[in-house]
Protein backbone atom coordinates (compact mmCIF):
# COMPACT_ATOMS: atom_id res chain seq x y z
CA UNK A 1 0.00 0.00 0.00
CA UNK A 2 1.17 3.50 -0.86
CA UNK A 3 0.35 7.05 0.11
CA UNK A 4 0.08 9.86 -2.38
CA UNK A 5 1.20 13.13 -0.89
CA UNK A 6 0.62 16.71 -1.87
CA UNK A 7 1.56 19.75 0.15
CA UNK A 8 -0.50 19.06 3.27
CA UNK A 9 -2.16 15.73 2.77
CA UNK A 10 -0.17 12.59 3.24
CA UNK A 11 -1.49 10.75 6.26
CA UNK A 12 -4.52 12.84 7.14
CA UNK A 13 -6.46 11.95 3.99
CA UNK A 14 -9.13 9.30 4.49
CA UNK A 15 -8.36 7.69 1.12
CA UNK A 16 -4.71 6.96 1.98
CA UNK A 17 -3.09 4.44 1.80
CA UNK A 18 -4.04 3.04 -1.60
CA UNK A 19 -2.63 0.48 -4.01
CA UNK A 20 0.51 1.36 -5.94
CA UNK A 21 -1.45 1.63 -9.19
CA UNK A 22 -4.06 3.99 -7.73
CA UNK A 23 -1.37 6.15 -6.10
CA UNK A 24 0.61 6.47 -9.34
CA UNK A 25 -2.54 7.23 -11.35
CA UNK A 26 -3.49 9.92 -8.85
CA UNK A 27 0.01 11.36 -8.97
CA UNK A 28 -0.21 11.54 -12.78
CA UNK A 29 -3.40 13.62 -12.52
CA UNK A 30 -1.86 15.94 -9.94
CA UNK A 31 1.29 16.29 -12.07
CA UNK A 32 -0.82 17.17 -15.11
CA UNK A 33 -2.34 20.00 -13.08
CA UNK A 34 1.15 21.31 -12.32
CA UNK A 35 1.10 20.69 -8.56
CA UNK A 36 3.73 19.05 -6.36
CA UNK A 37 3.14 15.37 -5.58
CA UNK A 38 4.99 12.27 -4.45
CA UNK A 39 4.11 8.64 -3.78
CA UNK A 40 5.62 6.83 -0.80
CA UNK A 41 5.29 3.40 0.77
CA UNK A 42 2.85 3.69 3.68
CA UNK A 43 5.04 2.00 6.30
CA UNK A 44 8.64 2.49 5.18
CA UNK A 45 8.20 6.01 3.80
CA UNK A 46 10.39 5.07 0.81
CA UNK A 47 9.65 7.42 -2.08
CA UNK A 48 8.41 5.59 -5.17
CA UNK A 49 7.71 8.64 -7.32
CA UNK A 50 8.35 12.37 -7.06
CA UNK A 51 7.23 14.68 -9.87
CA UNK A 52 9.44 17.48 -11.28
CA UNK A 53 7.61 20.17 -9.29
CA UNK A 54 8.24 18.31 -6.02
CA UNK A 55 11.85 17.55 -6.97
CA UNK A 56 12.48 21.25 -7.68
CA UNK A 57 10.84 22.24 -4.40
CA UNK A 58 12.95 19.78 -2.40
CA UNK A 59 16.10 21.02 -4.16
CA UNK A 60 15.20 24.63 -3.33
CA UNK A 61 14.86 23.71 0.36
CA UNK A 62 18.34 22.19 0.36
CA UNK A 63 19.78 25.21 -1.45
CA UNK A 64 18.13 27.54 1.04
CA UNK A 65 19.61 25.63 4.01
CA UNK A 66 23.09 25.72 2.46
CA UNK A 67 22.88 29.46 1.86
CA UNK A 68 21.61 30.13 5.39
CA UNK A 69 24.42 28.01 6.86
CA UNK A 70 27.05 29.81 4.76
CA UNK A 71 25.73 33.24 5.70
CA UNK A 72 25.77 32.32 9.39
CA UNK A 73 29.11 30.51 9.52
CA UNK A 74 31.44 31.66 6.74
CA UNK A 75 33.19 34.91 7.50
CA UNK A 76 33.07 37.46 4.75
CA UNK A 77 36.45 38.45 3.39
CA UNK A 78 37.71 41.97 2.78
CA UNK A 79 35.71 43.87 0.20
CA UNK A 80 37.52 44.29 -3.06
CA UNK A 81 37.05 47.35 -5.16
CA UNK A 82 36.63 47.02 -8.87
CA UNK A 83 38.98 49.22 -10.86
CA UNK A 84 38.07 50.48 -14.31
C-alpha atoms as a PDB file:
ATOM      1  CA  UNK A   1       0.000   0.000   0.000  1.00  0.00           C
ATOM      2  CA  UNK A   2       1.172   3.500  -0.856  1.00  0.00           C
ATOM      3  CA  UNK A   3       0.353   7.054   0.107  1.00  0.00           C
ATOM      4  CA  UNK A   4       0.076   9.861  -2.383  1.00  0.00           C
ATOM      5  CA  UNK A   5       1.199  13.132  -0.889  1.00  0.00           C
ATOM      6  CA  UNK A   6       0.623  16.708  -1.868  1.00  0.00           C
ATOM      7  CA  UNK A   7       1.556  19.754   0.154  1.00  0.00           C
ATOM      8  CA  UNK A   8      -0.502  19.062   3.272  1.00  0.00           C
ATOM      9  CA  UNK A   9      -2.164  15.729   2.765  1.00  0.00           C
ATOM     10  CA  UNK A  10      -0.174  12.589   3.238  1.00  0.00           C
ATOM     11  CA  UNK A  11      -1.491  10.747   6.257  1.00  0.00           C
ATOM     12  CA  UNK A  12      -4.524  12.843   7.142  1.00  0.00           C
ATOM     13  CA  UNK A  13      -6.457  11.951   3.994  1.00  0.00           C
ATOM     14  CA  UNK A  14      -9.131   9.298   4.487  1.00  0.00           C
ATOM     15  CA  UNK A  15      -8.358   7.694   1.116  1.00  0.00           C
ATOM     16  CA  UNK A  16      -4.715   6.958   1.977  1.00  0.00           C
ATOM     17  CA  UNK A  17      -3.093   4.439   1.802  1.00  0.00           C
ATOM     18  CA  UNK A  18      -4.037   3.037  -1.597  1.00  0.00           C
ATOM     19  CA  UNK A  19      -2.626   0.478  -4.009  1.00  0.00           C
ATOM     20  CA  UNK A  20       0.510   1.356  -5.938  1.00  0.00           C
ATOM     21  CA  UNK A  21      -1.449   1.632  -9.188  1.00  0.00           C
ATOM     22  CA  UNK A  22      -4.062   3.994  -7.734  1.00  0.00           C
ATOM     23  CA  UNK A  23      -1.373   6.146  -6.105  1.00  0.00           C
ATOM     24  CA  UNK A  24       0.609   6.468  -9.345  1.00  0.00           C
ATOM     25  CA  UNK A  25      -2.542   7.230 -11.353  1.00  0.00           C
ATOM     26  CA  UNK A  26      -3.491   9.924  -8.848  1.00  0.00           C
ATOM     27  CA  UNK A  27       0.006  11.361  -8.967  1.00  0.00           C
ATOM     28  CA  UNK A  28      -0.214  11.539 -12.776  1.00  0.00           C
ATOM     29  CA  UNK A  29      -3.404  13.617 -12.519  1.00  0.00           C
ATOM     30  CA  UNK A  30      -1.855  15.943  -9.937  1.00  0.00           C
ATOM     31  CA  UNK A  31       1.292  16.288 -12.075  1.00  0.00           C
ATOM     32  CA  UNK A  32      -0.822  17.166 -15.114  1.00  0.00           C
ATOM     33  CA  UNK A  33      -2.341  19.996 -13.075  1.00  0.00           C
ATOM     34  CA  UNK A  34       1.150  21.305 -12.316  1.00  0.00           C
ATOM     35  CA  UNK A  35       1.096  20.691  -8.562  1.00  0.00           C
ATOM     36  CA  UNK A  36       3.726  19.054  -6.361  1.00  0.00           C
ATOM     37  CA  UNK A  37       3.144  15.373  -5.581  1.00  0.00           C
ATOM     38  CA  UNK A  38       4.986  12.271  -4.455  1.00  0.00           C
ATOM     39  CA  UNK A  39       4.114   8.637  -3.781  1.00  0.00           C
ATOM     40  CA  UNK A  40       5.623   6.834  -0.801  1.00  0.00           C
ATOM     41  CA  UNK A  41       5.288   3.402   0.774  1.00  0.00           C
ATOM     42  CA  UNK A  42       2.854   3.694   3.675  1.00  0.00           C
ATOM     43  CA  UNK A  43       5.037   2.003   6.304  1.00  0.00           C
ATOM     44  CA  UNK A  44       8.636   2.488   5.181  1.00  0.00           C
ATOM     45  CA  UNK A  45       8.204   6.006   3.799  1.00  0.00           C
ATOM     46  CA  UNK A  46      10.392   5.072   0.813  1.00  0.00           C
ATOM     47  CA  UNK A  47       9.654   7.423  -2.077  1.00  0.00           C
ATOM     48  CA  UNK A  48       8.413   5.591  -5.171  1.00  0.00           C
ATOM     49  CA  UNK A  49       7.711   8.644  -7.317  1.00  0.00           C
ATOM     50  CA  UNK A  50       8.347  12.371  -7.065  1.00  0.00           C
ATOM     51  CA  UNK A  51       7.232  14.678  -9.869  1.00  0.00           C
ATOM     52  CA  UNK A  52       9.442  17.480 -11.278  1.00  0.00           C
ATOM     53  CA  UNK A  53       7.615  20.173  -9.291  1.00  0.00           C
ATOM     54  CA  UNK A  54       8.243  18.313  -6.019  1.00  0.00           C
ATOM     55  CA  UNK A  55      11.854  17.554  -6.971  1.00  0.00           C
ATOM     56  CA  UNK A  56      12.477  21.249  -7.678  1.00  0.00           C
ATOM     57  CA  UNK A  57      10.838  22.243  -4.404  1.00  0.00           C
ATOM     58  CA  UNK A  58      12.948  19.779  -2.405  1.00  0.00           C
ATOM     59  CA  UNK A  59      16.099  21.018  -4.159  1.00  0.00           C
ATOM     60  CA  UNK A  60      15.203  24.631  -3.334  1.00  0.00           C
ATOM     61  CA  UNK A  61      14.858  23.713   0.355  1.00  0.00           C
ATOM     62  CA  UNK A  62      18.342  22.185   0.362  1.00  0.00           C
ATOM     63  CA  UNK A  63      19.784  25.206  -1.454  1.00  0.00           C
ATOM     64  CA  UNK A  64      18.130  27.545   1.044  1.00  0.00           C
ATOM     65  CA  UNK A  65      19.611  25.632   4.007  1.00  0.00           C
ATOM     66  CA  UNK A  66      23.093  25.717   2.464  1.00  0.00           C
ATOM     67  CA  UNK A  67      22.882  29.465   1.856  1.00  0.00           C
ATOM     68  CA  UNK A  68      21.606  30.129   5.388  1.00  0.00           C
ATOM     69  CA  UNK A  69      24.423  28.011   6.858  1.00  0.00           C
ATOM     70  CA  UNK A  70      27.045  29.807   4.760  1.00  0.00           C
ATOM     71  CA  UNK A  71      25.729  33.237   5.705  1.00  0.00           C
ATOM     72  CA  UNK A  72      25.767  32.319   9.393  1.00  0.00           C
ATOM     73  CA  UNK A  73      29.112  30.507   9.516  1.00  0.00           C
ATOM     74  CA  UNK A  74      31.436  31.660   6.742  1.00  0.00           C
ATOM     75  CA  UNK A  75      33.190  34.911   7.500  1.00  0.00           C
ATOM     76  CA  UNK A  76      33.067  37.462   4.749  1.00  0.00           C
ATOM     77  CA  UNK A  77      36.445  38.448   3.394  1.00  0.00           C
ATOM     78  CA  UNK A  78      37.708  41.966   2.785  1.00  0.00           C
ATOM     79  CA  UNK A  79      35.707  43.868   0.201  1.00  0.00           C
ATOM     80  CA  UNK A  80      37.524  44.291  -3.060  1.00  0.00           C
ATOM     81  CA  UNK A  81      37.048  47.354  -5.157  1.00  0.00           C
ATOM     82  CA  UNK A  82      36.630  47.019  -8.874  1.00  0.00           C
ATOM     83  CA  UNK A  83      38.979  49.217 -10.861  1.00  0.00           C
ATOM     84  CA  UNK A  84      38.072  50.477 -14.314  1.00  0.00           C
END
